[in-house]
Amino acid sequence: MEEVLESARQIFRKHNFDFFVEILVESPRAVLVLFGVFFDKADPADTQRASDWYAEIRTAMIEAGYPPYRETAQSSPHVFDHNATTRKFLSSIKNALDPNGTLAPGRYGIK
């Protein structure tokens, strides 16, 4: 846990955000670590900084073996990047039910 938090602190510092974390103990073997940033959505530079932070912290946590427990709209196209079998299976279902691709186009990383 200390290694994860230190890695996150460095990413927060790099992108000039206050370190904000919530740690939820789910069971003796599981915790949820929730990171957050506060920024001005009306400011394009601030929005880009938050987007860059998100991409970096998401990648760092996945590489450390801590995948997201819930995806966001920003990351949903990449939810199956490490699970090609599930992506292929869900794509076949979506194509059978939605052959014209009108439902949630481009979402969830399936076509």
PDB file of N, CA and C in Angstrom:
ATOM      1  N   MET A   1       0.826  -1.189   0.000  1.00  0.00           N
ATOM      2  CA  MET A   1       0.000   0.000   0.000  1.00  0.00           C
ATOM      3  C   MET A   1       0.869   1.252   0.000  1.00  0.00           C
ATOM      4  N   GLU A   2       1.947   1.223   0.785  1.00  0.00           N
ATOM      5  CA  GLU A   2       2.830   2.389   0.832  1.00  0.00           C
ATOM      6  C   GLU A   2       3.449   2.681  -0.529  1.00  0.00           C
ATOM      7  N   GLU A   3       3.818   1.632  -1.270  1.00  0.00           N
ATOM      8  CA  GLU A   3       4.399   1.823  -2.596  1.00  0.00           C
ATOM      9  C   GLU A   3       3.386   2.437  -3.562  1.00  0.00           C
ATOM     10  N   VAL A   4       2.163   1.962  -3.509  1.00  0.00           N
ATOM     11  CA  VAL A   4       1.105   2.496  -4.375  1.00  0.00           C
ATOM     12  C   VAL A   4       0.868   3.969  -4.066  1.00  0.00           C
ATOM     13  N   LEU A   5       0.778   4.284  -2.793  1.00  0.00           N
ATOM     14  CA  LEU A   5       0.515   5.670  -2.415  1.00  0.00           C
ATOM     15  C   LEU A   5       1.675   6.586  -2.784  1.00  0.00           C
ATOM     16  N   GLU A   6       2.906   6.116  -2.628  1.00  0.00           N
ATOM     17  CA  GLU A   6       4.055   6.950  -3.000  1.00  0.00           C
ATOM     18  C   GLU A   6       4.097   7.179  -4.512  1.00  0.00           C
ATOM     19  N   SER A   7       3.817   6.138  -5.275  1.00  0.00           N
ATOM     20  CA  SER A   7       3.752   6.292  -6.734  1.00  0.00           C
ATOM     21  C   SER A   7       2.693   7.319  -7.111  1.00  0.00           C
ATOM     22  N   ALA A   8       1.546   7.225  -6.472  1.00  0.00           N
ATOM     23  CA  ALA A   8       0.461   8.171  -6.747  1.00  0.00           C
ATOM     24  C   ALA A   8       0.854   9.592  -6.353  1.00  0.00           C
ATOM     25  N   ARG A   9       1.499   9.748  -5.199  1.00  0.00           N
ATOM     26  CA  ARG A   9       1.929  11.084  -4.760  1.00  0.00           C
ATOM     27  C   ARG A   9       2.815  11.750  -5.814  1.00  0.00           C
ATOM     28  N   GLN A  10       3.718  10.972  -6.380  1.00  0.00           N
ATOM     29  CA  GLN A  10       4.620  11.516  -7.398  1.00  0.00           C
ATOM     30  C   GLN A  10       3.849  11.990  -8.634  1.00  0.00           C
ATOM     31  N   ILE A  11       2.832  11.234  -9.019  1.00  0.00           N
ATOM     32  CA  ILE A  11       2.025  11.613 -10.186  1.00  0.00           C
ATOM     33  C   ILE A  11       1.199  12.867  -9.878  1.00  0.00           C
ATOM     34  N   PHE A  12       0.649  12.937  -8.682  1.00  0.00           N
ATOM     35  CA  PHE A  12      -0.080  14.142  -8.275  1.00  0.00           C
ATOM     36  C   PHE A  12       0.853  15.356  -8.331  1.00  0.00           C
ATOM     37  N   ARG A  13       2.055  15.211  -7.761  1.00  0.00           N
ATOM     38  CA  ARG A  13       3.023  16.324  -7.757  1.00  0.00           C
ATOM     39  C   ARG A  13       3.385  16.742  -9.179  1.00  0.00           C
ATOM     40  N   LYS A  14       3.660  15.754 -10.026  1.00  0.00           N
ATOM     41  CA  LYS A  14       4.069  16.033 -11.404  1.00  0.00           C
ATOM     42  C   LYS A  14       3.037  16.890 -12.125  1.00  0.00           C
ATOM     43  N   HIS A  15       1.759  16.633 -11.857  1.00  0.00           N
ATOM     44  CA  HIS A  15       0.678  17.358 -12.541  1.00  0.00           C
ATOM     45  C   HIS A  15       0.133  18.519 -11.707  1.00  0.00           C
ATOM     46  N   ASN A  16       0.812  18.805 -10.597  1.00  0.00           N
ATOM     47  CA  ASN A  16       0.475  19.938  -9.732  1.00  0.00           C
ATOM     48  C   ASN A  16      -0.955  19.878  -9.176  1.00  0.00           C
ATOM     49  N   PHE A  17      -1.304  18.699  -8.656  1.00  0.00           N
ATOM     50  CA  PHE A  17      -2.583  18.538  -7.973  1.00  0.00           C
ATOM     51  C   PHE A  17      -2.341  18.186  -6.511  1.00  0.00           C
ATOM     52  N   ASP A  18      -3.261  18.612  -5.650  1.00  0.00           N
ATOM     53  CA  ASP A  18      -3.208  18.187  -4.247  1.00  0.00           C
ATOM     54  C   ASP A  18      -3.449  16.690  -4.186  1.00  0.00           C
ATOM     55  N   PHE A  19      -2.732  16.024  -3.295  1.00  0.00           N
ATOM     56  CA  PHE A  19      -2.883  14.580  -3.130  1.00  0.00           C
ATOM     57  C   PHE A  19      -4.206  14.306  -2.425  1.00  0.00           C
ATOM     58  N   PHE A  20      -5.107  13.637  -3.128  1.00  0.00           N
ATOM     59  CA  PHE A  20      -6.421  13.297  -2.585  1.00  0.00           C
ATOM     60  C   PHE A  20      -6.633  11.802  -2.766  1.00  0.00           C
ATOM     61  N   VAL A  21      -6.817  11.102  -1.661  1.00  0.00           N
ATOM     62  CA  VAL A  21      -7.008   9.657  -1.719  1.00  0.00           C
ATOM     63  C   VAL A  21      -7.975   9.237  -0.618  1.00  0.00           C
ATOM     64  N   GLU A  22      -8.789   8.260  -0.947  1.00  0.00           N
ATOM     65  CA  GLU A  22      -9.646   7.589   0.035  1.00  0.00           C
ATOM     66  C   GLU A  22      -9.286   6.119  -0.011  1.00  0.00           C
ATOM     67  N   ILE A  23      -9.131   5.513   1.148  1.00  0.00           N
ATOM     68  CA  ILE A  23      -8.822   4.087   1.226  1.00  0.00           C
ATOM     69  C   ILE A  23      -9.996   3.419   1.940  1.00  0.00           C
ATOM     70  N   LEU A  24     -10.636   2.516   1.237  1.00  0.00           N
ATOM     71  CA  LEU A  24     -11.794   1.807   1.785  1.00  0.00           C
ATOM     72  C   LEU A  24     -11.410   0.348   2.007  1.00  0.00           C
ATOM     73  N   VAL A  25     -11.509  -0.092   3.237  1.00  0.00           N
ATOM     74  CA  VAL A  25     -11.199  -1.487   3.550  1.00  0.00           C
ATOM     75  C   VAL A  25     -12.464  -2.297   3.302  1.00  0.00           C
ATOM     76  N   GLU A  26     -12.398  -3.166   2.312  1.00  0.00           N
ATOM     77  CA  GLU A  26     -13.548  -3.985   1.924  1.00  0.00           C
ATOM     78  C   GLU A  26     -13.592  -5.300   2.699  1.00  0.00           C
ATOM     79  N   SER A  27     -12.425  -5.856   2.954  1.00  0.00           N
ATOM     80  CA  SER A  27     -12.314  -7.117   3.677  1.00  0.00           C
ATOM     81  C   SER A  27     -10.865  -7.241   4.133  1.00  0.00           C
ATOM     82  N   PRO A  28     -10.539  -8.297   4.874  1.00  0.00           N
ATOM     83  CA  PRO A  28      -9.135  -8.463   5.274  1.00  0.00           C
ATOM     84  C   PRO A  28      -8.173  -8.610   4.094  1.00  0.00           C
ATOM     85  N   ARG A  29      -8.688  -8.907   2.911  1.00  0.00           N
ATOM     86  CA  ARG A  29      -7.836  -9.111   1.740  1.00  0.00           C
ATOM     87  C   ARG A  29      -8.037  -8.090   0.636  1.00  0.00           C
ATOM     88  N   ALA A  30      -8.932  -7.143   0.827  1.00  0.00           N
ATOM     89  CA  ALA A  30      -9.231  -6.219  -0.277  1.00  0.00           C
ATOM     90  C   ALA A  30      -9.439  -4.792   0.232  1.00  0.00           C
ATOM     91  N   VAL A  31      -8.826  -3.869  -0.489  1.00  0.00           N
ATOM     92  CA  VAL A  31      -9.056  -2.446  -0.248  1.00  0.00           C
ATOM     93  C   VAL A  31      -9.331  -1.773  -1.584  1.00  0.00           C
ATOM     94  N   LEU A  32     -10.065  -0.705  -1.527  1.00  0.00           N
ATOM     95  CA  LEU A  32     -10.272   0.146  -2.700  1.00  0.00           C
ATOM     96  C   LEU A  32      -9.529   1.444  -2.429  1.00  0.00           C
ATOM     97  N   VAL A  33      -8.746   1.860  -3.395  1.00  0.00           N
ATOM     98  CA  VAL A  33      -8.023   3.119  -3.289  1.00  0.00           C
ATOM     99  C   VAL A  33      -8.623   4.054  -4.327  1.00  0.00           C
ATOM    100  N   LEU A  34      -9.225   5.115  -3.858  1.00  0.00           N
ATOM    101  CA  LEU A  34      -9.881   6.074  -4.748  1.00  0.00           C
ATOM    102  C   LEU A  34      -9.059   7.361  -4.791  1.00  0.00           C
ATOM    103  N   PHE A  35      -8.634   7.731  -5.985  1.00  0.00           N
ATOM    104  CA  PHE A  35      -7.894   8.972  -6.186  1.00  0.00           C
ATOM    105  C   PHE A  35      -8.820   9.984  -6.841  1.00  0.00           C
ATOM    106  N   GLY A  36      -8.589  11.243  -6.567  1.00  0.00           N
ATOM    107  CA  GLY A  36      -9.394  12.270  -7.206  1.00  0.00           C
ATOM    108  C   GLY A  36      -8.630  13.563  -7.361  1.00  0.00           C
ATOM    109  N   VAL A  37      -9.015  14.317  -8.351  1.00  0.00           N
ATOM    110  CA  VAL A  37      -8.458  15.657  -8.548  1.00  0.00           C
ATOM    111  C   VAL A  37      -9.610  16.641  -8.693  1.00  0.00           C
ATOM    112  N   PHE A  38      -9.331  17.855  -8.308  1.00  0.00           N
ATOM    113  CA  PHE A  38     -10.310  18.928  -8.424  1.00  0.00           C
ATOM    114  C   PHE A  38      -9.746  19.956  -9.392  1.00  0.00           C
ATOM    115  N   PHE A  39     -10.532  20.275 -10.413  1.00  0.00           N
ATOM    116  CA  PHE A  39     -10.054  21.180 -11.455  1.00  0.00           C
ATOM    117  C   PHE A  39     -11.231  21.933 -12.048  1.00  0.00           C
ATOM    118  N   ASP A  40     -10.920  22.964 -12.796  1.00  0.00           N
ATOM    119  CA  ASP A  40     -11.922  23.821 -13.429  1.00  0.00           C
ATOM    120  C   ASP A  40     -12.221  23.296 -14.836  1.00  0.00           C
ATOM    121  N   LYS A  41     -13.384  22.675 -15.009  1.00  0.00           N
ATOM    122  CA  LYS A  41     -13.759  22.135 -16.318  1.00  0.00           C
ATOM    123  C   LYS A  41     -13.905  23.223 -17.380  1.00  0.00           C
ATOM    124  N   ALA A  42     -14.126  24.445 -16.957  1.00  0.00           N
ATOM    125  CA  ALA A  42     -14.272  25.542 -17.913  1.00  0.00           C
ATOM    126  C   ALA A  42     -12.919  26.026 -18.435  1.00  0.00           C
ATOM    127  N   ASP A  43     -11.845  25.601 -17.813  1.00  0.00           N
ATOM    128  CA  ASP A  43     -10.499  26.001 -18.209  1.00  0.00           C
ATOM    129  C   ASP A  43      -9.863  24.877 -19.025  1.00  0.00           C
ATOM    130  N   PRO A  44      -9.677  25.087 -20.341  1.00  0.00           N
ATOM    131  CA  PRO A  44      -9.122  24.017 -21.182  1.00  0.00           C
ATOM    132  C   PRO A  44      -7.760  23.500 -20.703  1.00  0.00           C
ATOM    133  N   ALA A  45      -6.905  24.375 -20.214  1.00  0.00           N
ATOM    134  CA  ALA A  45      -5.588  23.943 -19.743  1.00  0.00           C
ATOM    135  C   ALA A  45      -5.718  23.075 -18.491  1.00  0.00           C
ATOM    136  N   ASP A  46      -6.603  23.458 -17.590  1.00  0.00           N
ATOM    137  CA  ASP A  46      -6.826  22.692 -16.374  1.00  0.00           C
ATOM    138  C   ASP A  46      -7.446  21.326 -16.704  1.00  0.00           C
ATOM    139  N   THR A  47      -8.368  21.328 -17.653  1.00  0.00           N
ATOM    140  CA  THR A  47      -9.002  20.081 -18.083  1.00  0.00           C
ATOM    141  C   THR A  47      -7.973  19.150 -18.714  1.00  0.00           C
ATOM    142  N   GLN A  48      -7.070  19.690 -19.510  1.00  0.00           N
ATOM    143  CA  GLN A  48      -6.017  18.872 -20.124  1.00  0.00           C
ATOM    144  C   GLN A  48      -5.074  18.312 -19.063  1.00  0.00           C
ATOM    145  N   ARG A  49      -4.731  19.128 -18.081  1.00  0.00           N
ATOM    146  CA  ARG A  49      -3.861  18.694 -16.992  1.00  0.00           C
ATOM    147  C   ARG A  49      -4.504  17.537 -16.228  1.00  0.00           C
ATOM    148  N   ALA A  50      -5.800  17.631 -15.978  1.00  0.00           N
ATOM    149  CA  ALA A  50      -6.514  16.551 -15.282  1.00  0.00           C
ATOM    150  C   ALA A  50      -6.574  15.298 -16.145  1.00  0.00           C
ATOM    151  N   SER A  51      -6.778  15.470 -17.426  1.00  0.00           N
ATOM    152  CA  SER A  51      -6.818  14.328 -18.339  1.00  0.00           C
ATOM    153  C   SER A  51      -5.458  13.631 -18.402  1.00  0.00           C
ATOM    154  N   ASP A  52      -4.398  14.418 -18.444  1.00  0.00           N
ATOM    155  CA  ASP A  52      -3.044  13.852 -18.456  1.00  0.00           C
ATOM    156  C   ASP A  52      -2.765  13.106 -17.149  1.00  0.00           C
ATOM    157  N   TRP A  53      -3.176  13.707 -16.026  1.00  0.00           N
ATOM    158  CA  TRP A  53      -3.020  13.048 -14.725  1.00  0.00           C
ATOM    159  C   TRP A  53      -3.742  11.706 -14.730  1.00  0.00           C
ATOM    160  N   TYR A  54      -4.990  11.713 -15.198  1.00  0.00           N
ATOM    161  CA  TYR A  54      -5.796  10.489 -15.187  1.00  0.00           C
ATOM    162  C   TYR A  54      -5.146   9.381 -16.016  1.00  0.00           C
ATOM    163  N   ALA A  55      -4.708   9.722 -17.210  1.00  0.00           N
ATOM    164  CA  ALA A  55      -4.075   8.717 -18.079  1.00  0.00           C
ATOM    165  C   ALA A  55      -2.830   8.143 -17.416  1.00  0.00           C
ATOM    166  N   GLU A  56      -2.041   9.003 -16.801  1.00  0.00           N
ATOM    167  CA  GLU A  56      -0.801   8.523 -16.181  1.00  0.00           C
ATOM    168  C   GLU A  56      -1.061   7.677 -14.941  1.00  0.00           C
ATOM    169  N   ILE A  57      -1.966   8.119 -14.079  1.00  0.00           N
ATOM    170  CA  ILE A  57      -2.190   7.352 -12.855  1.00  0.00           C
ATOM    171  C   ILE A  57      -2.882   6.022 -13.163  1.00  0.00           C
ATOM    172  N   ARG A  58      -3.778   6.027 -14.144  1.00  0.00           N
ATOM    173  CA  ARG A  58      -4.445   4.775 -14.535  1.00  0.00           C
ATOM    174  C   ARG A  58      -3.420   3.770 -15.049  1.00  0.00           C
ATOM    175  N   THR A  59      -2.540   4.216 -15.931  1.00  0.00           N
ATOM    176  CA  THR A  59      -1.501   3.339 -16.477  1.00  0.00           C
ATOM    177  C   THR A  59      -0.572   2.836 -15.384  1.00  0.00           C
ATOM    178  N   ALA A  60      -0.130   3.726 -14.504  1.00  0.00           N
ATOM    179  CA  ALA A  60       0.785   3.333 -13.425  1.00  0.00           C
ATOM    180  C   ALA A  60       0.159   2.292 -12.516  1.00  0.00           C
ATOM    181  N   MET A  61      -1.105   2.473 -12.179  1.00  0.00           N
ATOM    182  CA  MET A  61      -1.761   1.523 -11.278  1.00  0.00           C
ATOM    183  C   MET A  61      -1.958   0.164 -11.960  1.00  0.00           C
ATOM    184  N   ILE A  62      -2.323   0.163 -13.229  1.00  0.00           N
ATOM    185  CA  ILE A  62      -2.478  -1.103 -13.962  1.00  0.00           C
ATOM    186  C   ILE A  62      -1.139  -1.824 -14.048  1.00  0.00           C
ATOM    187  N   GLU A  63      -0.078  -1.080 -14.386  1.00  0.00           N
ATOM    188  CA  GLU A  63       1.247  -1.695 -14.482  1.00  0.00           C
ATOM    189  C   GLU A  63       1.727  -2.240 -13.147  1.00  0.00           C
ATOM    190  N   ALA A  64       1.291  -1.639 -12.052  1.00  0.00           N
ATOM    191  CA  ALA A  64       1.658  -2.113 -10.711  1.00  0.00           C
ATOM    192  C   ALA A  64       0.783  -3.285 -10.262  1.00  0.00           C
ATOM    193  N   GLY A  65      -0.209  -3.635 -11.085  1.00  0.00           N
ATOM    194  CA  GLY A  65      -1.076  -4.767 -10.750  1.00  0.00           C
ATOM    195  C   GLY A  65      -2.363  -4.388 -10.046  1.00  0.00           C
ATOM    196  N   TYR A  66      -2.725  -3.117 -10.137  1.00  0.00           N
ATOM    197  CA  TYR A  66      -3.943  -2.634  -9.489  1.00  0.00           C
ATOM    198  C   TYR A  66      -4.881  -2.027 -10.528  1.00  0.00           C
ATOM    199  N   PRO A  67      -5.647  -2.864 -11.209  1.00  0.00           N
ATOM    200  CA  PRO A  67      -6.556  -2.340 -12.241  1.00  0.00           C
ATOM    201  C   PRO A  67      -7.726  -1.589 -11.612  1.00  0.00           C
ATOM    202  N   PRO A  68      -8.355  -0.714 -12.378  1.00  0.00           N
ATOM    203  CA  PRO A  68      -9.518   0.007 -11.862  1.00  0.00           C
ATOM    204  C   PRO A  68     -10.656  -0.954 -11.531  1.00  0.00           C
ATOM    205  N   TYR A  69     -11.354  -0.681 -10.461  1.00  0.00           N
ATOM    206  CA  TYR A  69     -12.509  -1.520 -10.142  1.00  0.00           C
ATOM    207  C   TYR A  69     -13.744  -1.016 -10.862  1.00  0.00           C
ATOM    208  N   ARG A  70     -13.687   0.213 -11.361  1.00  0.00           N
ATOM    209  CA  ARG A  70     -14.780   0.776 -12.141  1.00  0.00           C
ATOM    210  C   ARG A  70     -14.183   1.755 -13.142  1.00  0.00           C
ATOM    211  N   GLU A  71     -14.623   1.654 -14.383  1.00  0.00           N
ATOM    212  CA  GLU A  71     -14.103   2.533 -15.427  1.00  0.00           C
ATOM    213  C   GLU A  71     -14.932   3.808 -15.513  1.00  0.00           C
ATOM    214  N   THR A  72     -14.335   4.820 -16.095  1.00  0.00           N
ATOM    215  CA  THR A  72     -15.027   6.081 -16.336  1.00  0.00           C
ATOM    216  C   THR A  72     -15.334   6.191 -17.826  1.00  0.00           C
ATOM    217  N   ALA A  73     -16.103   7.168 -18.199  1.00  0.00           N
ATOM    218  CA  ALA A  73     -16.377   7.393 -19.626  1.00  0.00           C
ATOM    219  C   ALA A  73     -15.081   7.648 -20.383  1.00  0.00           C
ATOM    220  N   GLN A  74     -14.130   8.298 -19.735  1.00  0.00           N
ATOM    221  CA  GLN A  74     -12.852   8.600 -20.375  1.00  0.00           C
ATOM    222  C   GLN A  74     -12.041   7.336 -20.653  1.00  0.00           C
ATOM    223  N   SER A  75     -12.123   6.362 -19.770  1.00  0.00           N
ATOM    224  CA  SER A  75     -11.289   5.167 -19.930  1.00  0.00           C
ATOM    225  C   SER A  75     -12.034   3.956 -20.469  1.00  0.00           C
ATOM    226  N   SER A  76     -13.351   4.050 -20.611  1.00  0.00           N
ATOM    227  CA  SER A  76     -14.118   2.870 -21.029  1.00  0.00           C
ATOM    228  C   SER A  76     -13.681   2.269 -22.365  1.00  0.00           C
ATOM    229  N   PRO A  77     -13.183   3.058 -23.331  1.00  0.00           N
ATOM    230  CA  PRO A  77     -12.720   2.409 -24.567  1.00  0.00           C
ATOM    231  C   PRO A  77     -11.542   1.455 -24.347  1.00  0.00           C
ATOM    232  N   HIS A  78     -10.887   1.568 -23.194  1.00  0.00           N
ATOM    233  CA  HIS A  78      -9.704   0.750 -22.923  1.00  0.00           C
ATOM    234  C   HIS A  78      -9.959  -0.354 -21.899  1.00  0.00           C
ATOM    235  N   VAL A  79     -11.205  -0.523 -21.503  1.00  0.00           N
ATOM    236  CA  VAL A  79     -11.516  -1.466 -20.431  1.00  0.00           C
ATOM    237  C   VAL A  79     -11.069  -2.898 -20.747  1.00  0.00           C
ATOM    238  N   PHE A  80     -11.065  -3.280 -22.000  1.00  0.00           N
ATOM    239  CA  PHE A  80     -10.681  -4.647 -22.354  1.00  0.00           C
ATOM    240  C   PHE A  80      -9.318  -4.715 -23.038  1.00  0.00           C
ATOM    241  N   ASP A  81      -8.498  -3.698 -22.876  1.00  0.00           N
ATOM    242  CA  ASP A  81      -7.174  -3.703 -23.505  1.00  0.00           C
ATOM    243  C   ASP A  81      -6.339  -4.913 -23.094  1.00  0.00           C
ATOM    244  N   HIS A  82      -6.550  -5.392 -21.892  1.00  0.00           N
ATOM    245  CA  HIS A  82      -5.782  -6.535 -21.390  1.00  0.00           C
ATOM    246  C   HIS A  82      -6.608  -7.813 -21.376  1.00  0.00           C
ATOM    247  N   ASN A  83      -7.723  -7.809 -22.098  1.00  0.00           N
ATOM    248  CA  ASN A  83      -8.590  -8.992 -22.118  1.00  0.00           C
ATOM    249  C   ASN A  83      -9.251  -9.103 -23.490  1.00  0.00           C
ATOM    250  N   ALA A  84      -8.450  -9.504 -24.466  1.00  0.00           N
ATOM    251  CA  ALA A  84      -8.932  -9.586 -25.845  1.00  0.00           C
ATOM    252  C   ALA A  84     -10.049 -10.608 -26.013  1.00  0.00           C
ATOM    253  N   THR A  85     -10.030 -11.671 -25.235  1.00  0.00           N
ATOM    254  CA  THR A  85     -11.066 -12.704 -25.343  1.00  0.00           C
ATOM    255  C   THR A  85     -12.433 -12.139 -24.975  1.00  0.00           C
ATOM    256  N   THR A  86     -12.499 -11.405 -23.876  1.00  0.00           N
ATOM    257  CA  THR A  86     -13.774 -10.805 -23.462  1.00  0.00           C
ATOM    258  C   THR A  86     -14.221  -9.765 -24.473  1.00  0.00           C
ATOM    259  N   ARG A  87     -13.283  -8.945 -24.967  1.00  0.00           N
ATOM    260  CA  ARG A  87     -13.630  -7.933 -25.978  1.00  0.00           C
ATOM    261  C   ARG A  87     -14.246  -8.608 -27.210  1.00  0.00           C
ATOM    262  N   LYS A  88     -13.639  -9.686 -27.684  1.00  0.00           N
ATOM    263  CA  LYS A  88     -14.139 -10.383 -28.870  1.00  0.00           C
ATOM    264  C   LYS A  88     -15.525 -10.973 -28.615  1.00  0.00           C
ATOM    265  N   PHE A  89     -15.696 -11.572 -27.444  1.00  0.00           N
ATOM    266  CA  PHE A  89     -16.990 -12.174 -27.087  1.00  0.00           C
ATOM    267  C   PHE A  89     -18.086 -11.113 -27.027  1.00  0.00           C
ATOM    268  N   LEU A  90     -17.822 -10.011 -26.310  1.00  0.00           N
ATOM    269  CA  LEU A  90     -18.833  -8.955 -26.190  1.00  0.00           C
ATOM    270  C   LEU A  90     -19.091  -8.264 -27.521  1.00  0.00           C
ATOM    271  N   SER A  91     -18.063  -8.139 -28.346  1.00  0.00           N
ATOM    272  CA  SER A  91     -18.251  -7.551 -29.683  1.00  0.00           C
ATOM    273  C   SER A  91     -19.181  -8.410 -30.522  1.00  0.00           C
ATOM    274  N   SER A  92     -19.052  -9.739 -30.411  1.00  0.00           N
ATOM    275  CA  SER A  92     -19.926 -10.616 -31.195  1.00  0.00           C
ATOM    276  C   SER A  92     -21.378 -10.481 -30.742  1.00  0.00           C
ATOM    277  N   ILE A  93     -21.597 -10.341 -29.447  1.00  0.00           N
ATOM    278  CA  ILE A  93     -22.963 -10.142 -28.935  1.00  0.00           C
ATOM    279  C   ILE A  93     -23.504  -8.800 -29.417  1.00  0.00           C
ATOM    280  N   LYS A  94     -22.681  -7.734 -29.268  1.00  0.00           N
ATOM    281  CA  LYS A  94     -23.131  -6.399 -29.685  1.00  0.00           C
ATOM    282  C   LYS A  94     -23.451  -6.384 -31.178  1.00  0.00           C
ATOM    283  N   ASN A  95     -22.608  -6.992 -31.995  1.00  0.00           N
ATOM    284  CA  ASN A  95     -22.856  -7.016 -33.442  1.00  0.00           C
ATOM    285  C   ASN A  95     -24.125  -7.791 -33.783  1.00  0.00           C
ATOM    286  N   ALA A  96     -24.422  -8.831 -33.037  1.00  0.00           N
ATOM    287  CA  ALA A  96     -25.648  -9.600 -33.286  1.00  0.00           C
ATOM    288  C   ALA A  96     -26.889  -8.793 -32.905  1.00  0.00           C
ATOM    289  N   LEU A  97     -26.811  -8.045 -31.806  1.00  0.00           N
ATOM    290  CA  LEU A  97     -27.967  -7.288 -31.321  1.00  0.00           C
ATOM    291  C   LEU A  97     -28.065  -5.880 -31.923  1.00  0.00           C
ATOM    292  N   ASP A  98     -26.940  -5.353 -32.384  1.00  0.00           N
ATOM    293  CA  ASP A  98     -26.881  -3.977 -32.874  1.00  0.00           C
ATOM    294  C   ASP A  98     -26.015  -3.920 -34.131  1.00  0.00           C
ATOM    295  N   PRO A  99     -26.464  -4.547 -35.223  1.00  0.00           N
ATOM    296  CA  PRO A  99     -25.624  -4.642 -36.425  1.00  0.00           C
ATOM    297  C   PRO A  99     -25.271  -3.286 -37.054  1.00  0.00           C
ATOM    298  N   ASN A 100     -26.067  -2.255 -36.790  1.00  0.00           N
ATOM    299  CA  ASN A 100     -25.784  -0.940 -37.356  1.00  0.00           C
ATOM    300  C   ASN A 100     -24.927  -0.066 -36.440  1.00  0.00           C
ATOM    301  N   GLY A 101     -24.586  -0.585 -35.264  1.00  0.00           N
ATOM    302  CA  GLY A 101     -23.715   0.143 -34.346  1.00  0.00           C
ATOM    303  C   GLY A 101     -24.297   1.425 -33.804  1.00  0.00           C
ATOM    304  N   THR A 102     -25.605   1.427 -33.530  1.00  0.00           N
ATOM    305  CA  THR A 102     -26.246   2.652 -33.044  1.00  0.00           C
ATOM    306  C   THR A 102     -26.216   2.788 -31.527  1.00  0.00           C
ATOM    307  N   LEU A 103     -26.083   1.676 -30.802  1.00  0.00           N
ATOM    308  CA  LEU A 103     -26.060   1.728 -29.340  1.00  0.00           C
ATOM    309  C   LEU A 103     -24.643   1.955 -28.827  1.00  0.00           C
ATOM    310  N   ALA A 104     -24.441   3.026 -28.106  1.00  0.00           N
ATOM    311  CA  ALA A 104     -23.158   3.349 -27.471  1.00  0.00           C
ATOM    312  C   ALA A 104     -21.980   3.161 -28.414  1.00  0.00           C
ATOM    313  N   PRO A 105     -21.982   3.829 -29.563  1.00  0.00           N
ATOM    314  CA  PRO A 105     -20.873   3.635 -30.506  1.00  0.00           C
ATOM    315  C   PRO A 105     -19.534   4.057 -29.894  1.00  0.00           C
ATOM    316  N   GLY A 106     -18.562   3.168 -30.026  1.00  0.00           N
ATOM    317  CA  GLY A 106     -17.216   3.454 -29.540  1.00  0.00           C
ATOM    318  C   GLY A 106     -17.024   3.317 -28.048  1.00  0.00           C
ATOM    319  N   ARG A 107     -18.076   2.991 -27.311  1.00  0.00           N
ATOM    320  CA  ARG A 107     -17.954   2.872 -25.859  1.00  0.00           C
ATOM    321  C   ARG A 107     -17.526   1.464 -25.479  1.00  0.00           C
ATOM    322  N   TYR A 108     -16.915   1.365 -24.350  1.00  0.00           N
ATOM    323  CA  TYR A 108     -16.558   0.071 -23.735  1.00  0.00           C
ATOM    324  C   TYR A 108     -15.536  -0.708 -24.536  1.00  0.00           C
ATOM    325  N   GLY A 109     -14.915  -0.106 -25.534  1.00  0.00           N
ATOM    326  CA  GLY A 109     -13.875  -0.776 -26.285  1.00  0.00           C
ATOM    327  C   GLY A 109     -14.347  -1.907 -27.160  1.00  0.00           C
ATOM    328  N   ILE A 110     -15.650  -1.965 -27.423  1.00  0.00           N
ATOM    329  CA  ILE A 110     -16.165  -3.022 -28.301  1.00  0.00           C
ATOM    330  C   ILE A 110     -16.829  -2.378 -29.520  1.00  0.00           C
ATOM    331  N   LYS A 111     -16.792  -3.113 -30.620  1.00  0.00           N
ATOM    332  CA  LYS A 111     -17.380  -2.598 -31.862  1.00  0.00           C
ATOM    333  C   LYS A 111     -18.424  -3.540 -32.374  1.00  0.00           C
TER     334      LYS A 111
END
